[in-house]
């Protein structure tokens, strides 16, 4: 499933309008916590159940959203973190988690 529109709402949510006209929103703190990059996954693995991320405003502010091919989004955060590639299916699944 592909997104038709992607935007940041109220500086706290990533809003996605999907091609089937369904809508999802994801808290930016949840989006950052679910970052699929190797660095973030390694940190989560090392800390296990003790992993409780605390984010600064820079870590929760999106500077740029770009499409990666026809399958994913790349997100650049204000703190410079930009290695997470969120495949559309993964993005949909983490937005559904918050419901």
PDB file of N, CA and C in Angstrom:
ATOM      1  N   UNK A   1       0.837  -1.172   0.000  1.00  0.00           N
ATOM      2  CA  UNK A   1       0.000   0.000   0.000  1.00  0.00           C
ATOM      3  C   UNK A   1       0.887   1.241   0.000  1.00  0.00           C
ATOM      4  N   UNK A   2       0.559   2.203  -0.841  1.00  0.00           N
ATOM      5  CA  UNK A   2       1.357   3.415  -0.983  1.00  0.00           C
ATOM      6  C   UNK A   2       0.666   4.620  -0.347  1.00  0.00           C
ATOM      7  N   UNK A   3       1.460   5.543   0.186  1.00  0.00           N
ATOM      8  CA  UNK A   3       0.864   6.768   0.728  1.00  0.00           C
ATOM      9  C   UNK A   3       0.560   7.758  -0.398  1.00  0.00           C
ATOM     10  N   UNK A   4      -0.553   8.488  -0.237  1.00  0.00           N
ATOM     11  CA  UNK A   4      -0.898   9.553  -1.173  1.00  0.00           C
ATOM     12  C   UNK A   4      -0.418  10.901  -0.657  1.00  0.00           C
ATOM     13  N   UNK A   5      -0.434  11.053   0.667  1.00  0.00           N
ATOM     14  CA  UNK A   5      -0.026  12.318   1.274  1.00  0.00           C
ATOM     15  C   UNK A   5       0.638  12.028   2.609  1.00  0.00           C
ATOM     16  N   UNK A   6       1.731  12.735   2.872  1.00  0.00           N
ATOM     17  CA  UNK A   6       2.468  12.579   4.130  1.00  0.00           C
ATOM     18  C   UNK A   6       2.741  13.979   4.661  1.00  0.00           C
ATOM     19  N   UNK A   7       2.446  14.191   5.933  1.00  0.00           N
ATOM     20  CA  UNK A   7       2.716  15.496   6.523  1.00  0.00           C
ATOM     21  C   UNK A   7       2.921  15.364   8.027  1.00  0.00           C
ATOM     22  N   UNK A   8       3.547  16.376   8.594  1.00  0.00           N
ATOM     23  CA  UNK A   8       3.714  16.448  10.044  1.00  0.00           C
ATOM     24  C   UNK A   8       2.607  17.358  10.567  1.00  0.00           C
ATOM     25  N   UNK A   9       1.861  16.861  11.542  1.00  0.00           N
ATOM     26  CA  UNK A   9       0.749  17.613  12.128  1.00  0.00           C
ATOM     27  C   UNK A   9       1.080  18.007  13.560  1.00  0.00           C
ATOM     28  N   UNK A  10       0.802  19.248  13.879  1.00  0.00           N
ATOM     29  CA  UNK A  10       0.956  19.761  15.248  1.00  0.00           C
ATOM     30  C   UNK A  10       2.348  19.521  15.831  1.00  0.00           C
ATOM     31  N   UNK A  11       3.344  19.349  14.992  1.00  0.00           N
ATOM     32  CA  UNK A  11       4.733  19.117  15.413  1.00  0.00           C
ATOM     33  C   UNK A  11       4.905  17.862  16.265  1.00  0.00           C
ATOM     34  N   UNK A  12       3.867  17.019  16.321  1.00  0.00           N
ATOM     35  CA  UNK A  12       3.921  15.829  17.172  1.00  0.00           C
ATOM     36  C   UNK A  12       3.559  14.534  16.467  1.00  0.00           C
ATOM     37  N   UNK A  13       2.983  14.616  15.267  1.00  0.00           N
ATOM     38  CA  UNK A  13       2.482  13.418  14.588  1.00  0.00           C
ATOM     39  C   UNK A  13       2.877  13.403  13.122  1.00  0.00           C
ATOM     40  N   UNK A  14       3.174  12.205  12.628  1.00  0.00           N
ATOM     41  CA  UNK A  14       3.324  11.997  11.201  1.00  0.00           C
ATOM     42  C   UNK A  14       1.983  11.491  10.701  1.00  0.00           C
ATOM     43  N   UNK A  15       1.374  12.230   9.816  1.00  0.00           N
ATOM     44  CA  UNK A  15       0.075  11.892   9.265  1.00  0.00           C
ATOM     45  C   UNK A  15       0.279  11.272   7.884  1.00  0.00           C
ATOM     46  N   UNK A  16      -0.400  10.154   7.611  1.00  0.00           N
ATOM     47  CA  UNK A  16      -0.299   9.496   6.302  1.00  0.00           C
ATOM     48  C   UNK A  16      -1.711   9.228   5.783  1.00  0.00           C
ATOM     49  N   UNK A  17      -1.958   9.692   4.567  1.00  0.00           N
ATOM     50  CA  UNK A  17      -3.173   9.347   3.836  1.00  0.00           C
ATOM     51  C   UNK A  17      -2.757   8.285   2.825  1.00  0.00           C
ATOM     52  N   UNK A  18      -3.323   7.090   2.954  1.00  0.00           N
ATOM     53  CA  UNK A  18      -2.949   5.957   2.119  1.00  0.00           C
ATOM     54  C   UNK A  18      -3.789   5.916   0.850  1.00  0.00           C
ATOM     55  N   UNK A  19      -3.338   5.142  -0.130  1.00  0.00           N
ATOM     56  CA  UNK A  19      -4.020   5.087  -1.420  1.00  0.00           C
ATOM     57  C   UNK A  19      -5.442   4.543  -1.339  1.00  0.00           C
ATOM     58  N   UNK A  20      -5.777   3.822  -0.262  1.00  0.00           N
ATOM     59  CA  UNK A  20      -7.151   3.340  -0.086  1.00  0.00           C
ATOM     60  C   UNK A  20      -8.005   4.359   0.680  1.00  0.00           C
ATOM     61  N   UNK A  21      -7.460   5.580   0.841  1.00  0.00           N
ATOM     62  CA  UNK A  21      -8.090   6.698   1.545  1.00  0.00           C
ATOM     63  C   UNK A  21      -8.206   6.502   3.053  1.00  0.00           C
ATOM     64  N   UNK A  22      -7.548   5.486   3.600  1.00  0.00           N
ATOM     65  CA  UNK A  22      -7.468   5.373   5.054  1.00  0.00           C
ATOM     66  C   UNK A  22      -6.387   6.340   5.540  1.00  0.00           C
ATOM     67  N   UNK A  23      -6.517   6.744   6.790  1.00  0.00           N
ATOM     68  CA  UNK A  23      -5.577   7.694   7.380  1.00  0.00           C
ATOM     69  C   UNK A  23      -4.963   7.105   8.637  1.00  0.00           C
ATOM     70  N   UNK A  24      -3.686   7.359   8.826  1.00  0.00           N
ATOM     71  CA  UNK A  24      -3.022   6.956  10.062  1.00  0.00           C
ATOM     72  C   UNK A  24      -2.174   8.111  10.552  1.00  0.00           C
ATOM     73  N   UNK A  25      -1.932   8.126  11.838  1.00  0.00           N
ATOM     74  CA  UNK A  25      -0.997   9.094  12.393  1.00  0.00           C
ATOM     75  C   UNK A  25      -0.135   8.371  13.423  1.00  0.00           C
ATOM     76  N   UNK A  26       1.096   8.801  13.502  1.00  0.00           N
ATOM     77  CA  UNK A  26       2.064   8.178  14.399  1.00  0.00           C
ATOM     78  C   UNK A  26       2.720   9.284  15.206  1.00  0.00           C
ATOM     79  N   UNK A  27       2.725   9.135  16.530  1.00  0.00           N
ATOM     80  CA  UNK A  27       3.451  10.100  17.352  1.00  0.00           C
ATOM     81  C   UNK A  27       4.912  10.076  16.931  1.00  0.00           C
ATOM     82  N   UNK A  28       5.523  11.239  16.833  1.00  0.00           N
ATOM     83  CA  UNK A  28       6.922  11.301  16.405  1.00  0.00           C
ATOM     84  C   UNK A  28       7.833  10.559  17.373  1.00  0.00           C
ATOM     85  N   UNK A  29       7.497  10.554  18.661  1.00  0.00           N
ATOM     86  CA  UNK A  29       8.314   9.803  19.622  1.00  0.00           C
ATOM     87  C   UNK A  29       8.234   8.304  19.332  1.00  0.00           C
ATOM     88  N   UNK A  30       7.059   7.809  18.914  1.00  0.00           N
ATOM     89  CA  UNK A  30       6.922   6.395  18.551  1.00  0.00           C
ATOM     90  C   UNK A  30       7.675   6.102  17.261  1.00  0.00           C
ATOM     91  N   UNK A  31       7.590   7.027  16.310  1.00  0.00           N
ATOM     92  CA  UNK A  31       8.293   6.855  15.041  1.00  0.00           C
ATOM     93  C   UNK A  31       9.798   6.772  15.268  1.00  0.00           C
ATOM     94  N   UNK A  32      10.309   7.640  16.109  1.00  0.00           N
ATOM     95  CA  UNK A  32      11.748   7.636  16.398  1.00  0.00           C
ATOM     96  C   UNK A  32      12.141   6.365  17.157  1.00  0.00           C
ATOM     97  N   UNK A  33      11.320   5.965  18.133  1.00  0.00           N
ATOM     98  CA  UNK A  33      11.618   4.759  18.907  1.00  0.00           C
ATOM     99  C   UNK A  33      11.629   3.520  18.021  1.00  0.00           C
ATOM    100  N   UNK A  34      10.796   3.500  16.997  1.00  0.00           N
ATOM    101  CA  UNK A  34      10.699   2.349  16.082  1.00  0.00           C
ATOM    102  C   UNK A  34      11.620   2.473  14.875  1.00  0.00           C
ATOM    103  N   UNK A  35      12.602   3.362  14.954  1.00  0.00           N
ATOM    104  CA  UNK A  35      13.541   3.534  13.840  1.00  0.00           C
ATOM    105  C   UNK A  35      14.163   2.180  13.486  1.00  0.00           C
ATOM    106  N   UNK A  36      14.098   1.804  12.208  1.00  0.00           N
ATOM    107  CA  UNK A  36      14.585   0.486  11.809  1.00  0.00           C
ATOM    108  C   UNK A  36      16.073   0.417  11.450  1.00  0.00           C
ATOM    109  N   UNK A  37      16.815   1.479  11.675  1.00  0.00           N
ATOM    110  CA  UNK A  37      18.225   1.463  11.256  1.00  0.00           C
ATOM    111  C   UNK A  37      19.066   0.545  12.151  1.00  0.00           C
ATOM    112  N   UNK A  38      20.233   0.182  11.651  1.00  0.00           N
ATOM    113  CA  UNK A  38      21.123  -0.730  12.377  1.00  0.00           C
ATOM    114  C   UNK A  38      21.586  -0.149  13.711  1.00  0.00           C
ATOM    115  N   UNK A  39      21.847   1.144  13.753  1.00  0.00           N
ATOM    116  CA  UNK A  39      22.321   1.776  14.993  1.00  0.00           C
ATOM    117  C   UNK A  39      21.251   1.681  16.076  1.00  0.00           C
ATOM    118  N   UNK A  40      20.026   2.043  15.730  1.00  0.00           N
ATOM    119  CA  UNK A  40      18.940   2.013  16.720  1.00  0.00           C
ATOM    120  C   UNK A  40      18.611   0.581  17.131  1.00  0.00           C
ATOM    121  N   UNK A  41      18.616  -0.344  16.170  1.00  0.00           N
ATOM    122  CA  UNK A  41      18.341  -1.745  16.506  1.00  0.00           C
ATOM    123  C   UNK A  41      19.410  -2.315  17.420  1.00  0.00           C
ATOM    124  N   UNK A  42      20.652  -1.934  17.206  1.00  0.00           N
ATOM    125  CA  UNK A  42      21.745  -2.391  18.059  1.00  0.00           C
ATOM    126  C   UNK A  42      21.563  -1.869  19.487  1.00  0.00           C
ATOM    127  N   UNK A  43      21.198  -0.599  19.589  1.00  0.00           N
ATOM    128  CA  UNK A  43      20.977  -0.005  20.918  1.00  0.00           C
ATOM    129  C   UNK A  43      19.831  -0.707  21.643  1.00  0.00           C
ATOM    130  N   UNK A  44      18.747  -0.996  20.928  1.00  0.00           N
ATOM    131  CA  UNK A  44      17.616  -1.696  21.533  1.00  0.00           C
ATOM    132  C   UNK A  44      18.021  -3.094  21.986  1.00  0.00           C
ATOM    133  N   UNK A  45      18.811  -3.782  21.167  1.00  0.00           N
ATOM    134  CA  UNK A  45      19.254  -5.138  21.503  1.00  0.00           C
ATOM    135  C   UNK A  45      20.153  -5.146  22.731  1.00  0.00           C
ATOM    136  N   UNK A  46      21.068  -4.196  22.798  1.00  0.00           N
ATOM    137  CA  UNK A  46      22.003  -4.119  23.929  1.00  0.00           C
ATOM    138  C   UNK A  46      21.285  -3.872  25.243  1.00  0.00           C
ATOM    139  N   UNK A  47      20.272  -3.021  25.215  1.00  0.00           N
ATOM    140  CA  UNK A  47      19.593  -2.646  26.454  1.00  0.00           C
ATOM    141  C   UNK A  47      18.402  -3.533  26.784  1.00  0.00           C
ATOM    142  N   UNK A  48      17.908  -4.278  25.803  1.00  0.00           N
ATOM    143  CA  UNK A  48      16.798  -5.198  26.047  1.00  0.00           C
ATOM    144  C   UNK A  48      15.578  -4.511  26.619  1.00  0.00           C
ATOM    145  N   UNK A  49      14.990  -5.124  27.635  1.00  0.00           N
ATOM    146  CA  UNK A  49      13.784  -4.577  28.260  1.00  0.00           C
ATOM    147  C   UNK A  49      14.041  -3.272  29.012  1.00  0.00           C
ATOM    148  N   UNK A  50      15.300  -2.967  29.228  1.00  0.00           N
ATOM    149  CA  UNK A  50      15.658  -1.738  29.936  1.00  0.00           C
ATOM    150  C   UNK A  50      15.718  -0.533  28.997  1.00  0.00           C
ATOM    151  N   UNK A  51      15.452  -0.748  27.713  1.00  0.00           N
ATOM    152  CA  UNK A  51      15.513   0.332  26.730  1.00  0.00           C
ATOM    153  C   UNK A  51      14.297   1.245  26.871  1.00  0.00           C
ATOM    154  N   UNK A  52      14.522   2.413  27.454  1.00  0.00           N
ATOM    155  CA  UNK A  52      13.485   3.427  27.594  1.00  0.00           C
ATOM    156  C   UNK A  52      14.088   4.729  27.061  1.00  0.00           C
ATOM    157  N   UNK A  53      13.858   5.014  25.792  1.00  0.00           N
ATOM    158  CA  UNK A  53      14.475   6.210  25.217  1.00  0.00           C
ATOM    159  C   UNK A  53      13.833   7.495  25.733  1.00  0.00           C
ATOM    160  N   UNK A  54      14.665   8.459  26.003  1.00  0.00           N
ATOM    161  CA  UNK A  54      14.218   9.806  26.365  1.00  0.00           C
ATOM    162  C   UNK A  54      14.753  10.728  25.277  1.00  0.00           C
ATOM    163  N   UNK A  55      13.860  11.456  24.628  1.00  0.00           N
ATOM    164  CA  UNK A  55      14.246  12.251  23.472  1.00  0.00           C
ATOM    165  C   UNK A  55      14.234  13.741  23.760  1.00  0.00           C
ATOM    166  N   UNK A  56      15.163  14.439  23.120  1.00  0.00           N
ATOM    167  CA  UNK A  56      15.173  15.897  23.159  1.00  0.00           C
ATOM    168  C   UNK A  56      14.295  16.406  22.020  1.00  0.00           C
ATOM    169  N   UNK A  57      14.009  17.682  22.029  1.00  0.00           N
ATOM    170  CA  UNK A  57      13.206  18.282  20.970  1.00  0.00           C
ATOM    171  C   UNK A  57      13.869  18.083  19.601  1.00  0.00           C
ATOM    172  N   UNK A  58      15.198  18.214  19.540  1.00  0.00           N
ATOM    173  CA  UNK A  58      15.920  18.006  18.272  1.00  0.00           C
ATOM    174  C   UNK A  58      15.754  16.580  17.751  1.00  0.00           C
ATOM    175  N   UNK A  59      15.659  15.618  18.647  1.00  0.00           N
ATOM    176  CA  UNK A  59      15.510  14.222  18.233  1.00  0.00           C
ATOM    177  C   UNK A  59      14.092  13.906  17.775  1.00  0.00           C
ATOM    178  N   UNK A  60      13.143  14.785  18.048  1.00  0.00           N
ATOM    179  CA  UNK A  60      11.749  14.554  17.673  1.00  0.00           C
ATOM    180  C   UNK A  60      11.239  15.550  16.635  1.00  0.00           C
ATOM    181  N   UNK A  61      12.156  16.321  16.049  1.00  0.00           N
ATOM    182  CA  UNK A  61      11.779  17.282  15.022  1.00  0.00           C
ATOM    183  C   UNK A  61      12.262  16.773  13.675  1.00  0.00           C
ATOM    184  N   UNK A  62      11.321  16.611  12.752  1.00  0.00           N
ATOM    185  CA  UNK A  62      11.661  16.141  11.404  1.00  0.00           C
ATOM    186  C   UNK A  62      12.050  17.335  10.544  1.00  0.00           C
ATOM    187  N   UNK A  63      13.217  17.212   9.912  1.00  0.00           N
ATOM    188  CA  UNK A  63      13.718  18.258   9.035  1.00  0.00           C
ATOM    189  C   UNK A  63      13.336  17.967   7.582  1.00  0.00           C
ATOM    190  N   UNK A  64      13.359  16.674   7.224  1.00  0.00           N
ATOM    191  CA  UNK A  64      13.120  16.310   5.829  1.00  0.00           C
ATOM    192  C   UNK A  64      12.529  14.906   5.748  1.00  0.00           C
ATOM    193  N   UNK A  65      11.548  14.767   4.863  1.00  0.00           N
ATOM    194  CA  UNK A  65      10.972  13.463   4.552  1.00  0.00           C
ATOM    195  C   UNK A  65      11.154  13.256   3.065  1.00  0.00           C
ATOM    196  N   UNK A  66      11.729  12.122   2.685  1.00  0.00           N
ATOM    197  CA  UNK A  66      11.925  11.861   1.264  1.00  0.00           C
ATOM    198  C   UNK A  66      11.522  10.424   0.939  1.00  0.00           C
ATOM    199  N   UNK A  67      11.021  10.242  -0.273  1.00  0.00           N
ATOM    200  CA  UNK A  67      10.688   8.896  -0.716  1.00  0.00           C
ATOM    201  C   UNK A  67      11.965   8.157  -1.062  1.00  0.00           C
ATOM    202  N   UNK A  68      11.994   6.888  -0.733  1.00  0.00           N
ATOM    203  CA  UNK A  68      13.103   6.015  -1.102  1.00  0.00           C
ATOM    204  C   UNK A  68      12.520   5.026  -2.106  1.00  0.00           C
ATOM    205  N   UNK A  69      12.815   5.242  -3.362  1.00  0.00           N
ATOM    206  CA  UNK A  69      12.217   4.416  -4.405  1.00  0.00           C
ATOM    207  C   UNK A  69      10.705   4.494  -4.328  1.00  0.00           C
ATOM    208  N   UNK A  70      10.068   3.354  -4.548  1.00  0.00           N
ATOM    209  CA  UNK A  70       8.608   3.281  -4.459  1.00  0.00           C
ATOM    210  C   UNK A  70       8.166   2.421  -3.292  1.00  0.00           C
ATOM    211  N   UNK A  71       9.062   2.294  -2.286  1.00  0.00           N
ATOM    212  CA  UNK A  71       8.761   1.357  -1.205  1.00  0.00           C
ATOM    213  C   UNK A  71       8.946   1.904   0.205  1.00  0.00           C
ATOM    214  N   UNK A  72       9.506   3.099   0.367  1.00  0.00           N
ATOM    215  CA  UNK A  72       9.843   3.534   1.726  1.00  0.00           C
ATOM    216  C   UNK A  72       9.981   5.045   1.839  1.00  0.00           C
ATOM    217  N   UNK A  73      10.085   5.483   3.098  1.00  0.00           N
ATOM    218  CA  UNK A  73      10.386   6.874   3.426  1.00  0.00           C
ATOM    219  C   UNK A  73      11.723   6.947   4.130  1.00  0.00           C
ATOM    220  N   UNK A  74      12.465   7.978   3.808  1.00  0.00           N
ATOM    221  CA  UNK A  74      13.659   8.313   4.556  1.00  0.00           C
ATOM    222  C   UNK A  74      13.328   9.540   5.393  1.00  0.00           C
ATOM    223  N   UNK A  75      13.702   9.527   6.651  1.00  0.00           N
ATOM    224  CA  UNK A  75      13.396  10.649   7.535  1.00  0.00           C
ATOM    225  C   UNK A  75      14.691  11.191   8.110  1.00  0.00           C
ATOM    226  N   UNK A  76      14.853  12.511   8.000  1.00  0.00           N
ATOM    227  CA  UNK A  76      15.998  13.175   8.610  1.00  0.00           C
ATOM    228  C   UNK A  76      15.486  13.978   9.799  1.00  0.00           C
ATOM    229  N   UNK A  77      16.074  13.689  10.956  1.00  0.00           N
ATOM    230  CA  UNK A  77      15.691  14.357  12.196  1.00  0.00           C
ATOM    231  C   UNK A  77      16.632  15.535  12.439  1.00  0.00           C
ATOM    232  N   UNK A  78      16.195  16.504  13.216  1.00  0.00           N
ATOM    233  CA  UNK A  78      16.982  17.715  13.454  1.00  0.00           C
ATOM    234  C   UNK A  78      18.341  17.433  14.089  1.00  0.00           C
ATOM    235  N   UNK A  79      18.457  16.335  14.838  1.00  0.00           N
ATOM    236  CA  UNK A  79      19.746  16.007  15.467  1.00  0.00           C
ATOM    237  C   UNK A  79      20.722  15.357  14.487  1.00  0.00           C
ATOM    238  N   UNK A  80      20.321  15.225  13.209  1.00  0.00           N
ATOM    239  CA  UNK A  80      21.204  14.667  12.190  1.00  0.00           C
ATOM    240  C   UNK A  80      20.972  13.199  11.885  1.00  0.00           C
ATOM    241  N   UNK A  81      20.197  12.513  12.708  1.00  0.00           N
ATOM    242  CA  UNK A  81      19.932  11.088  12.465  1.00  0.00           C
ATOM    243  C   UNK A  81      19.107  10.953  11.188  1.00  0.00           C
ATOM    244  N   UNK A  82      19.598  10.120  10.255  1.00  0.00           N
ATOM    245  CA  UNK A  82      18.906   9.994   8.975  1.00  0.00           C
ATOM    246  C   UNK A  82      19.068   8.625   8.315  1.00  0.00           C
ATOM    247  N   UNK A  83      19.423   7.632   9.082  1.00  0.00           N
ATOM    248  CA  UNK A  83      19.708   6.321   8.493  1.00  0.00           C
ATOM    249  C   UNK A  83      18.533   5.356   8.521  1.00  0.00           C
ATOM    250  N   UNK A  84      17.434   5.757   9.130  1.00  0.00           N
ATOM    251  CA  UNK A  84      16.268   4.882   9.177  1.00  0.00           C
ATOM    252  C   UNK A  84      15.464   4.957   7.887  1.00  0.00           C
ATOM    253  N   UNK A  85      15.241   3.829   7.259  1.00  0.00           N
ATOM    254  CA  UNK A  85      14.393   3.757   6.070  1.00  0.00           C
ATOM    255  C   UNK A  85      13.144   2.981   6.472  1.00  0.00           C
ATOM    256  N   UNK A  86      12.022   3.680   6.466  1.00  0.00           N
ATOM    257  CA  UNK A  86      10.753   3.111   6.907  1.00  0.00           C
ATOM    258  C   UNK A  86       9.984   2.592   5.693  1.00  0.00           C
ATOM    259  N   UNK A  87      10.027   1.277   5.465  1.00  0.00           N
ATOM    260  CA  UNK A  87       9.243   0.701   4.369  1.00  0.00           C
ATOM    261  C   UNK A  87       7.775   0.978   4.646  1.00  0.00           C
ATOM    262  N   UNK A  88       6.993   1.160   3.575  1.00  0.00           N
ATOM    263  CA  UNK A  88       5.596   1.540   3.747  1.00  0.00           C
ATOM    264  C   UNK A  88       4.813   0.529   4.585  1.00  0.00           C
ATOM    265  N   UNK A  89       5.037  -0.755   4.385  1.00  0.00           N
ATOM    266  CA  UNK A  89       4.353  -1.776   5.181  1.00  0.00           C
ATOM    267  C   UNK A  89       4.711  -1.665   6.654  1.00  0.00           C
ATOM    268  N   UNK A  90       5.986  -1.402   6.941  1.00  0.00           N
ATOM    269  CA  UNK A  90       6.439  -1.239   8.322  1.00  0.00           C
ATOM    270  C   UNK A  90       5.814   0.015   8.926  1.00  0.00           C
ATOM    271  N   UNK A  91       5.801   1.094   8.158  1.00  0.00           N
ATOM    272  CA  UNK A  91       5.205   2.340   8.617  1.00  0.00           C
ATOM    273  C   UNK A  91       3.733   2.133   8.968  1.00  0.00           C
ATOM    274  N   UNK A  92       3.037   1.408   8.124  1.00  0.00           N
ATOM    275  CA  UNK A  92       1.621   1.125   8.367  1.00  0.00           C
ATOM    276  C   UNK A  92       1.467   0.289   9.637  1.00  0.00           C
ATOM    277  N   UNK A  93       2.343  -0.702   9.814  1.00  0.00           N
ATOM    278  CA  UNK A  93       2.212  -1.593  10.981  1.00  0.00           C
ATOM    279  C   UNK A  93       2.492  -0.847  12.288  1.00  0.00           C
ATOM    280  N   UNK A  94       3.459   0.060  12.314  1.00  0.00           N
ATOM    281  CA  UNK A  94       3.715   0.771  13.555  1.00  0.00           C
ATOM    282  C   UNK A  94       2.647   1.830  13.819  1.00  0.00           C
ATOM    283  N   UNK A  95       2.017   2.336  12.780  1.00  0.00           N
ATOM    284  CA  UNK A  95       0.932   3.288  13.019  1.00  0.00           C
ATOM    285  C   UNK A  95      -0.302   2.543  13.540  1.00  0.00           C
ATOM    286  N   UNK A  96      -0.489   1.301  13.113  1.00  0.00           N
ATOM    287  CA  UNK A  96      -1.612   0.504  13.591  1.00  0.00           C
ATOM    288  C   UNK A  96      -1.417   0.060  15.045  1.00  0.00           C
ATOM    289  N   UNK A  97      -0.144  -0.032  15.497  1.00  0.00           N
ATOM    290  CA  UNK A  97       0.150  -0.428  16.877  1.00  0.00           C
ATOM    291  C   UNK A  97      -0.434   0.539  17.882  1.00  0.00           C
ATOM    292  N   UNK A  98      -0.439   1.821  17.520  1.00  0.00           N
ATOM    293  CA  UNK A  98      -0.870   2.851  18.453  1.00  0.00           C
ATOM    294  C   UNK A  98      -2.381   2.952  18.592  1.00  0.00           C
ATOM    295  N   UNK A  99      -3.118   2.182  17.834  1.00  0.00           N
ATOM    296  CA  UNK A  99      -4.585   2.268  17.886  1.00  0.00           C
ATOM    297  C   UNK A  99      -5.158   1.509  19.049  1.00  0.00           C
TER     298      UNK A  99
END
